[in-house]
N, C-alpha and C. Protein backbone atom coordinates (compact mmCIF):
# COMPACT_ATOMS: atom_id res chain seq x y z
N MET A 1 7.14 -7.78 5.82
CA MET A 1 6.23 -6.98 6.67
C MET A 1 5.12 -6.84 5.86
N LEU A 2 3.48 -6.58 6.44
CA LEU A 2 2.60 -6.23 5.64
C LEU A 2 1.91 -4.89 6.06
N ASP A 3 2.91 -4.17 6.62
CA ASP A 3 2.73 -2.75 6.60
C ASP A 3 2.71 -1.92 5.75
N PRO A 4 4.21 -2.15 4.74
CA PRO A 4 4.30 -1.60 3.29
C PRO A 4 2.98 -1.68 2.47
N VAL A 5 2.57 -3.23 2.62
CA VAL A 5 1.55 -2.92 1.35
C VAL A 5 0.09 -2.86 2.03
N VAL A 6 -0.09 -2.45 3.22
CA VAL A 6 -1.50 -2.16 3.40
C VAL A 6 -1.33 -0.50 3.28
N GLU A 7 -0.18 0.17 3.72
CA GLU A 7 -0.01 1.71 3.42
C GLU A 7 -0.08 1.85 2.15
N THR A 8 0.31 0.90 1.34
CA THR A 8 0.19 1.51 -0.36
C THR A 8 -1.43 1.08 -0.55
N LEU A 9 -2.04 0.38 -0.03
CA LEU A 9 -3.54 -0.29 -0.14
C LEU A 9 -4.38 1.04 0.35
N ALA A 10 -4.01 1.32 1.18
CA ALA A 10 -4.70 2.63 2.17
C ALA A 10 -4.69 3.80 1.60
N ALA A 11 -3.78 4.10 0.91
CA ALA A 11 -3.60 5.41 0.11
C ALA A 11 -4.62 5.17 -1.30
N GLU A 12 -5.15 4.34 -1.71
CA GLU A 12 -5.53 4.18 -3.21
C GLU A 12 -7.62 4.60 -2.43
N PRO A 13 -8.00 5.26 -3.10
CA PRO A 13 -9.55 5.21 -2.87
C PRO A 13 -10.21 4.32 -3.23
N VAL A 14 -10.29 3.33 -3.22
CA VAL A 14 -10.94 1.87 -3.34
C VAL A 14 -11.69 1.77 -2.36
N ALA A 15 -10.96 1.51 -0.77
CA ALA A 15 -11.53 1.36 0.56
C ALA A 15 -10.97 1.87 1.12
N THR A 16 -11.29 1.84 2.34
CA THR A 16 -10.91 2.60 3.72
C THR A 16 -10.48 1.64 4.32
N VAL A 17 -8.88 1.79 4.75
CA VAL A 17 -8.44 0.99 5.56
C VAL A 17 -7.76 1.53 6.98
N THR A 18 -7.93 0.72 8.13
CA THR A 18 -7.89 0.94 9.52
C THR A 18 -7.40 0.03 10.00
N LYS A 19 -6.31 0.24 10.74
CA LYS A 19 -5.13 -0.69 11.56
C LYS A 19 -5.32 -0.59 13.19
N VAL A 20 -5.34 -2.08 13.46
CA VAL A 20 -5.92 -1.88 15.01
C VAL A 20 -4.46 -2.57 15.93
N ASP A 21 -4.03 -2.01 16.66
CA ASP A 21 -2.69 -2.79 17.41
C ASP A 21 -3.64 -3.58 18.49
N VAL A 22 -3.77 -5.06 18.14
CA VAL A 22 -4.38 -6.21 18.63
C VAL A 22 -4.13 -6.25 20.34
N ASP A 23 -2.54 -5.71 20.65
CA ASP A 23 -1.84 -5.65 22.04
C ASP A 23 -2.86 -4.82 22.95
N ALA A 24 -3.19 -3.26 21.91
CA ALA A 24 -3.83 -2.07 22.90
C ALA A 24 -5.07 -2.30 23.15
N ASP A 25 -6.00 -3.08 22.23
CA ASP A 25 -6.92 -3.50 22.23
C ASP A 25 -7.63 -4.79 21.92
N GLN A 26 -7.30 -5.43 22.81
CA GLN A 26 -7.58 -6.85 22.94
C GLN A 26 -9.04 -7.41 22.95
N GLN A 27 -9.40 -6.41 23.46
CA GLN A 27 -11.40 -6.84 23.53
C GLN A 27 -11.81 -6.82 22.05
N LEU A 28 -11.49 -5.89 21.04
CA LEU A 28 -11.82 -5.80 20.06
C LEU A 28 -11.16 -7.22 18.64
N ALA A 29 -10.23 -7.12 19.15
CA ALA A 29 -9.48 -8.31 18.16
C ALA A 29 -10.08 -9.82 19.39
N GLN A 30 -10.77 -10.11 20.27
CA GLN A 30 -11.53 -11.14 20.68
C GLN A 30 -12.44 -11.15 20.02
N SER A 31 -13.24 -9.75 19.88
CA SER A 31 -14.66 -9.77 19.63
C SER A 31 -14.88 -10.43 17.99
N TYR A 32 -13.60 -10.25 17.39
CA TYR A 32 -13.50 -10.62 15.69
C TYR A 32 -12.90 -12.16 15.46
N GLY A 33 -12.57 -12.69 16.78
CA GLY A 33 -11.83 -13.77 16.66
C GLY A 33 -10.20 -13.85 16.25
N VAL A 34 -9.77 -12.73 16.19
CA VAL A 34 -8.20 -12.85 16.08
C VAL A 34 -7.51 -13.47 16.81
N ARG A 35 -6.91 -14.80 16.28
CA ARG A 35 -5.88 -15.48 16.93
C ARG A 35 -4.84 -15.39 16.33
N GLY A 36 -4.18 -15.22 15.10
CA GLY A 36 -3.12 -14.76 14.53
C GLY A 36 -2.79 -13.45 14.11
N VAL A 37 -1.36 -13.08 14.08
CA VAL A 37 -1.18 -11.78 13.27
C VAL A 37 -0.53 -11.64 12.25
N PRO A 38 -0.43 -11.31 10.98
CA PRO A 38 -1.89 -10.47 10.66
C PRO A 38 -2.66 -10.72 10.21
N THR A 39 -4.33 -10.17 10.77
CA THR A 39 -5.28 -11.05 10.53
C THR A 39 -5.70 -9.50 10.13
N LEU A 40 -6.15 -9.62 8.80
CA LEU A 40 -7.45 -8.77 7.75
C LEU A 40 -8.59 -9.21 7.89
N VAL A 41 -9.12 -7.99 8.24
CA VAL A 41 -11.03 -8.41 8.65
C VAL A 41 -11.50 -7.35 6.99
N LEU A 42 -12.08 -7.64 6.25
CA LEU A 42 -12.56 -7.00 5.03
C LEU A 42 -14.38 -7.20 5.26
N PHE A 43 -14.82 -5.69 5.27
CA PHE A 43 -16.34 -5.59 5.71
C PHE A 43 -16.38 -5.07 4.35
N THR A 44 -18.28 -5.38 3.96
CA THR A 44 -19.06 -4.73 2.80
C THR A 44 -20.27 -4.37 3.62
N ASP A 45 -20.62 -3.16 3.36
CA ASP A 45 -21.69 -2.70 3.69
C ASP A 45 -21.90 -2.92 5.17
N GLY A 46 -20.96 -2.75 6.13
CA GLY A 46 -21.02 -2.72 7.46
C GLY A 46 -20.65 -4.10 7.92
N GLU A 47 -20.98 -5.02 7.20
CA GLU A 47 -20.67 -6.56 7.85
C GLU A 47 -19.50 -7.07 7.48
N GLN A 48 -19.04 -8.06 8.29
CA GLN A 48 -17.69 -8.72 7.90
C GLN A 48 -17.89 -9.43 6.58
N ALA A 49 -17.42 -9.62 5.74
CA ALA A 49 -17.38 -10.12 4.72
C ALA A 49 -16.10 -11.34 4.10
N GLU A 50 -15.12 -11.24 4.72
CA GLU A 50 -13.58 -12.54 4.79
C GLU A 50 -13.21 -11.79 5.95
N GLU A 51 -12.22 -12.80 6.42
CA GLU A 51 -11.09 -12.75 7.21
C GLU A 51 -9.69 -13.45 6.42
N VAL A 52 -8.69 -12.46 6.50
CA VAL A 52 -7.56 -13.01 5.77
C VAL A 52 -6.52 -13.12 6.77
N VAL A 53 -6.42 -14.67 6.83
CA VAL A 53 -4.96 -14.67 7.95
C VAL A 53 -3.54 -14.63 7.42
N GLY A 54 -2.46 -13.99 7.82
CA GLY A 54 -1.20 -14.40 7.48
C GLY A 54 -0.73 -13.43 6.63
N MET A 55 0.73 -13.57 6.24
CA MET A 55 1.07 -12.52 5.11
C MET A 55 0.46 -12.58 3.81
N GLN A 56 0.27 -11.81 2.92
CA GLN A 56 -0.21 -11.99 1.80
C GLN A 56 0.47 -10.76 0.74
N GLY A 57 0.50 -10.80 -0.50
CA GLY A 57 1.04 -9.94 -1.74
C GLY A 57 -0.20 -9.28 -1.76
N GLU A 58 0.53 -7.87 -2.31
CA GLU A 58 -0.01 -6.58 -2.55
C GLU A 58 -1.51 -7.08 -3.57
N GLU A 59 -0.78 -7.69 -4.80
CA GLU A 59 -1.93 -7.98 -5.58
C GLU A 59 -3.07 -8.84 -5.18
N ARG A 60 -2.81 -9.79 -4.56
CA ARG A 60 -3.81 -10.75 -3.78
C ARG A 60 -4.84 -9.92 -2.96
N LEU A 61 -4.04 -9.02 -2.04
CA LEU A 61 -5.15 -8.35 -1.01
C LEU A 61 -5.77 -7.25 -2.00
N ARG A 62 -5.23 -6.58 -2.96
CA ARG A 62 -5.80 -5.60 -3.92
C ARG A 62 -6.92 -6.87 -4.36
N SER A 63 -6.84 -7.36 -5.55
CA SER A 63 -7.90 -8.21 -5.93
C SER A 63 -8.88 -8.71 -4.82
N GLN A 64 -8.86 -9.10 -3.54
CA GLN A 64 -9.57 -9.25 -2.24
C GLN A 64 -10.39 -8.31 -1.98
N ILE A 65 -10.03 -6.65 -1.92
CA ILE A 65 -10.39 -5.70 -1.69
C ILE A 65 -11.32 -5.13 -2.58
N GLU A 66 -10.97 -5.27 -3.77
CA GLU A 66 -11.91 -4.87 -5.20
C GLU A 66 -12.71 -5.55 -5.32
N ARG A 67 -12.85 -7.13 -4.98
CA ARG A 67 -14.48 -7.87 -5.19
C ARG A 67 -15.35 -7.19 -4.06
N TYR A 68 -15.04 -6.28 -3.23
CA TYR A 68 -16.36 -6.01 -2.34
C TYR A 68 -16.70 -4.11 -2.38
N ALA A 69 -15.51 -3.84 -3.67
CA ALA A 69 -15.51 -2.32 -3.28
C ALA A 69 -16.90 -2.13 -4.10
N GLU A 70 -16.87 -0.68 -3.67
CA GLU A 70 -18.38 -0.17 -4.49
C GLU A 70 -18.00 0.52 -5.42
N TRP A 71 -18.33 0.32 -6.74
CA TRP A 71 -18.25 1.47 -7.58
C TRP A 71 -18.53 2.03 -8.21
């Protein structure tokens, strides 16, 4: 499962992490074109920067997040 990885990354101060239940908020999921679960949408400066679909390892997700993090 991706939940433990997301929880670990959410605990770090590099980025803000928010989880959305796509079943409960189908309109939001549709507005971002989510077709598969899990889908992670990365934002920078309020704009969508990247979409990651499918299971990802912690190190890969961390490096993707850090590319957009403001230092």
